[in-house]
Amino acid sequence: MKKIAIVLSISIAIISCGFPDGSISIKHSQYSHYYEMTAKFNPDRTAAVERWLDKELSPSDMSFTNTEIDGNITLDNYATFYVKKSPGFLNIKLDKERNSDEAYQHLRAVCERINEVVR
């Protein structure tokens, strides 16, 4: 019984240290027809992410700041992509066939820099 309590205590300690509130998970997926990035991060970094998206992507008549989004966005350059955003979470998905290579490259570059923004 004592061994079970020790193993359980060690397991709980490992799990709680391995997944702190400030943990970051960013996944970039490249497929033939689309590109996707999913980021999970400390909700305290949401404002920094929103400022980054506003700077790099925001059409003139909208802002990512203080919003929860679940839908398609079309930029002034006609790039269209899906965004799901809430505190501590961002998912962006771009259909390569519906967008120019320039739009894809720009969005991909923005997504790749998210790692720096959330730290």
C-alpha atoms as a PDB file:
ATOM      1  CA  MET A   1       0.000   0.000   0.000  1.00  0.00           C
ATOM      2  CA  LYS A   2       2.863   2.332   0.842  1.00  0.00           C
ATOM      3  CA  LYS A   3       4.431   1.658  -2.588  1.00  0.00           C
ATOM      4  CA  ILE A   4       1.177   2.557  -4.348  1.00  0.00           C
ATOM      5  CA  ALA A   5       1.001   5.864  -2.441  1.00  0.00           C
ATOM      6  CA  ILE A   6       4.609   6.688  -3.395  1.00  0.00           C
ATOM      7  CA  VAL A   7       4.071   5.815  -7.071  1.00  0.00           C
ATOM      8  CA  LEU A   8       0.848   7.821  -7.132  1.00  0.00           C
ATOM      9  CA  SER A   9       2.558  10.836  -5.518  1.00  0.00           C
ATOM     10  CA  ILE A  10       5.442  10.712  -7.996  1.00  0.00           C
ATOM     11  CA  SER A  11       3.022  10.373 -10.921  1.00  0.00           C
ATOM     12  CA  ILE A  12       1.008  13.384  -9.791  1.00  0.00           C
ATOM     13  CA  ALA A  13       4.195  15.424  -9.339  1.00  0.00           C
ATOM     14  CA  ILE A  14       5.428  14.531 -12.834  1.00  0.00           C
ATOM     15  CA  ILE A  15       2.084  15.335 -14.450  1.00  0.00           C
ATOM     16  CA  SER A  16       1.713  18.675 -12.671  1.00  0.00           C
ATOM     17  CA  CYS A  17       5.293  19.704 -13.510  1.00  0.00           C
ATOM     18  CA  GLY A  18       5.011  18.533 -17.091  1.00  0.00           C
ATOM     19  CA  PHE A  19       1.877  20.527 -17.894  1.00  0.00           C
ATOM     20  CA  PRO A  20       2.170  23.880 -16.133  1.00  0.00           C
ATOM     21  CA  ASP A  21      -0.278  26.690 -16.866  1.00  0.00           C
ATOM     22  CA  GLY A  22       2.377  28.334 -19.028  1.00  0.00           C
ATOM     23  CA  SER A  23       2.935  25.347 -21.315  1.00  0.00           C
ATOM     24  CA  ILE A  24       2.930  25.907 -25.062  1.00  0.00           C
ATOM     25  CA  SER A  25       1.886  23.575 -27.860  1.00  0.00           C
ATOM     26  CA  ILE A  26       2.182  24.690 -31.480  1.00  0.00           C
ATOM     27  CA  LYS A  27       1.507  22.373 -34.398  1.00  0.00           C
ATOM     28  CA  HIS A  28       2.025  23.237 -38.058  1.00  0.00           C
ATOM     29  CA  SER A  29       0.463  20.852 -40.573  1.00  0.00           C
ATOM     30  CA  GLN A  30       1.249  20.924 -44.262  1.00  0.00           C
ATOM     31  CA  TYR A  31      -1.052  19.074 -46.642  1.00  0.00           C
ATOM     32  CA  SER A  32      -1.357  19.154 -50.420  1.00  0.00           C
ATOM     33  CA  HIS A  33      -4.534  21.258 -50.339  1.00  0.00           C
ATOM     34  CA  TYR A  34      -4.217  23.221 -47.110  1.00  0.00           C
ATOM     35  CA  TYR A  35      -1.974  24.556 -44.358  1.00  0.00           C
ATOM     36  CA  GLU A  36      -2.980  24.543 -40.699  1.00  0.00           C
ATOM     37  CA  MET A  37      -1.501  25.872 -37.481  1.00  0.00           C
ATOM     38  CA  THR A  38      -2.880  25.159 -34.025  1.00  0.00           C
ATOM     39  CA  ALA A  39      -1.448  26.869 -30.955  1.00  0.00           C
ATOM     40  CA  LYS A  40      -2.299  26.339 -27.311  1.00  0.00           C
ATOM     41  CA  PHE A  41      -0.582  28.758 -24.943  1.00  0.00           C
ATOM     42  CA  ASN A  42      -0.886  30.587 -21.656  1.00  0.00           C
ATOM     43  CA  PRO A  43      -4.070  32.692 -21.830  1.00  0.00           C
ATOM     44  CA  ASP A  44      -2.065  35.611 -20.401  1.00  0.00           C
ATOM     45  CA  ARG A  45      -0.281  35.805 -23.794  1.00  0.00           C
ATOM     46  CA  THR A  46      -3.552  36.226 -25.734  1.00  0.00           C
ATOM     47  CA  ALA A  47      -3.231  40.024 -25.940  1.00  0.00           C
ATOM     48  CA  ALA A  48       0.266  39.692 -27.449  1.00  0.00           C
ATOM     49  CA  VAL A  49      -1.064  37.220 -30.036  1.00  0.00           C
ATOM     50  CA  GLU A  50      -3.967  39.544 -30.865  1.00  0.00           C
ATOM     51  CA  ARG A  51      -1.590  42.500 -31.361  1.00  0.00           C
ATOM     52  CA  TRP A  52       0.611  40.331 -33.612  1.00  0.00           C
ATOM     53  CA  LEU A  53      -2.350  39.229 -35.729  1.00  0.00           C
ATOM     54  CA  ASP A  54      -3.628  42.817 -35.979  1.00  0.00           C
ATOM     55  CA  LYS A  55      -0.206  43.991 -37.129  1.00  0.00           C
ATOM     56  CA  GLU A  56       0.336  41.234 -39.695  1.00  0.00           C
ATOM     57  CA  LEU A  57      -3.129  40.221 -40.894  1.00  0.00           C
ATOM     58  CA  SER A  58      -5.905  42.525 -39.844  1.00  0.00           C
ATOM     59  CA  PRO A  59      -8.053  43.976 -42.607  1.00  0.00           C
ATOM     60  CA  SER A  60      -8.652  47.681 -42.240  1.00  0.00           C
ATOM     61  CA  ASP A  61     -12.159  47.246 -40.848  1.00  0.00           C
ATOM     62  CA  MET A  62     -11.611  44.576 -38.182  1.00  0.00           C
ATOM     63  CA  SER A  63      -9.400  43.689 -35.250  1.00  0.00           C
ATOM     64  CA  PHE A  64      -8.461  40.461 -33.515  1.00  0.00           C
ATOM     65  CA  THR A  65      -8.265  42.276 -30.162  1.00  0.00           C
ATOM     66  CA  ASN A  66     -10.680  41.173 -27.436  1.00  0.00           C
ATOM     67  CA  THR A  67     -12.539  38.779 -29.722  1.00  0.00           C
ATOM     68  CA  GLU A  68     -13.428  35.139 -29.884  1.00  0.00           C
ATOM     69  CA  ILE A  69     -13.590  34.070 -33.512  1.00  0.00           C
ATOM     70  CA  ASP A  70     -14.850  30.925 -35.197  1.00  0.00           C
ATOM     71  CA  GLY A  71     -15.210  31.562 -38.905  1.00  0.00           C
ATOM     72  CA  ASN A  72     -13.694  32.564 -42.219  1.00  0.00           C
ATOM     73  CA  ILE A  73     -11.844  35.833 -42.694  1.00  0.00           C
ATOM     74  CA  THR A  74     -11.074  37.538 -45.985  1.00  0.00           C
ATOM     75  CA  LEU A  75      -8.262  40.094 -46.021  1.00  0.00           C
ATOM     76  CA  ASP A  76      -7.967  43.162 -48.200  1.00  0.00           C
ATOM     77  CA  ASN A  77      -5.658  41.162 -50.516  1.00  0.00           C
ATOM     78  CA  TYR A  78      -8.486  38.580 -50.933  1.00  0.00           C
ATOM     79  CA  ALA A  79      -6.703  35.912 -48.909  1.00  0.00           C
ATOM     80  CA  THR A  80      -9.380  33.795 -47.211  1.00  0.00           C
ATOM     81  CA  PHE A  81      -8.737  31.506 -44.267  1.00  0.00           C
ATOM     82  CA  TYR A  82     -10.481  29.958 -41.274  1.00  0.00           C
ATOM     83  CA  VAL A  83      -9.715  31.209 -37.760  1.00  0.00           C
ATOM     84  CA  LYS A  84     -10.788  29.859 -34.403  1.00  0.00           C
ATOM     85  CA  LYS A  85      -9.459  32.010 -31.589  1.00  0.00           C
ATOM     86  CA  SER A  86     -10.138  32.197 -27.872  1.00  0.00           C
ATOM     87  CA  PRO A  87      -7.948  32.986 -24.855  1.00  0.00           C
ATOM     88  CA  GLY A  88      -4.964  30.622 -24.985  1.00  0.00           C
ATOM     89  CA  PHE A  89      -5.991  29.022 -28.285  1.00  0.00           C
ATOM     90  CA  LEU A  90      -5.514  29.814 -31.978  1.00  0.00           C
ATOM     91  CA  ASN A  91      -6.290  27.676 -35.021  1.00  0.00           C
ATOM     92  CA  ILE A  92      -5.706  28.960 -38.553  1.00  0.00           C
ATOM     93  CA  LYS A  93      -6.431  26.942 -41.666  1.00  0.00           C
ATOM     94  CA  LEU A  94      -5.812  28.094 -45.239  1.00  0.00           C
ATOM     95  CA  ASP A  95      -7.026  26.328 -48.379  1.00  0.00           C
ATOM     96  CA  LYS A  96      -4.105  26.535 -50.825  1.00  0.00           C
ATOM     97  CA  GLU A  97      -6.324  26.063 -53.856  1.00  0.00           C
ATOM     98  CA  ARG A  98      -8.527  29.077 -52.984  1.00  0.00           C
ATOM     99  CA  ASN A  99      -5.591  31.381 -52.247  1.00  0.00           C
ATOM    100  CA  SER A 100      -2.546  32.671 -54.091  1.00  0.00           C
ATOM    101  CA  ASP A 101       0.899  31.323 -53.298  1.00  0.00           C
ATOM    102  CA  GLU A 102       1.807  34.784 -52.006  1.00  0.00           C
ATOM    103  CA  ALA A 103      -1.115  34.723 -49.540  1.00  0.00           C
ATOM    104  CA  TYR A 104      -0.152  31.220 -48.400  1.00  0.00           C
ATOM    105  CA  GLN A 105       3.509  32.170 -47.886  1.00  0.00           C
ATOM    106  CA  HIS A 106       2.571  35.284 -45.927  1.00  0.00           C
ATOM    107  CA  LEU A 107       0.119  33.474 -43.647  1.00  0.00           C
ATOM    108  CA  ARG A 108       2.554  30.640 -43.086  1.00  0.00           C
ATOM    109  CA  ALA A 109       5.313  33.123 -42.112  1.00  0.00           C
ATOM    110  CA  VAL A 110       2.943  34.831 -39.663  1.00  0.00           C
ATOM    111  CA  CYS A 111       2.000  31.471 -38.129  1.00  0.00           C
ATOM    112  CA  GLU A 112       5.621  30.386 -37.812  1.00  0.00           C
ATOM    113  CA  ARG A 113       6.389  33.506 -35.767  1.00  0.00           C
ATOM    114  CA  ILE A 114       3.570  32.757 -33.290  1.00  0.00           C
ATOM    115  CA  ASN A 115       6.043  30.659 -31.297  1.00  0.00           C
ATOM    116  CA  GLU A 116       8.083  33.796 -30.551  1.00  0.00           C
ATOM    117  CA  VAL A 117       4.975  35.813 -29.683  1.00  0.00           C
ATOM    118  CA  VAL A 118       3.606  33.375 -27.089  1.00  0.00           C
ATOM    119  CA  ARG A 119       6.853  33.036 -25.138  1.00  0.00           C
END
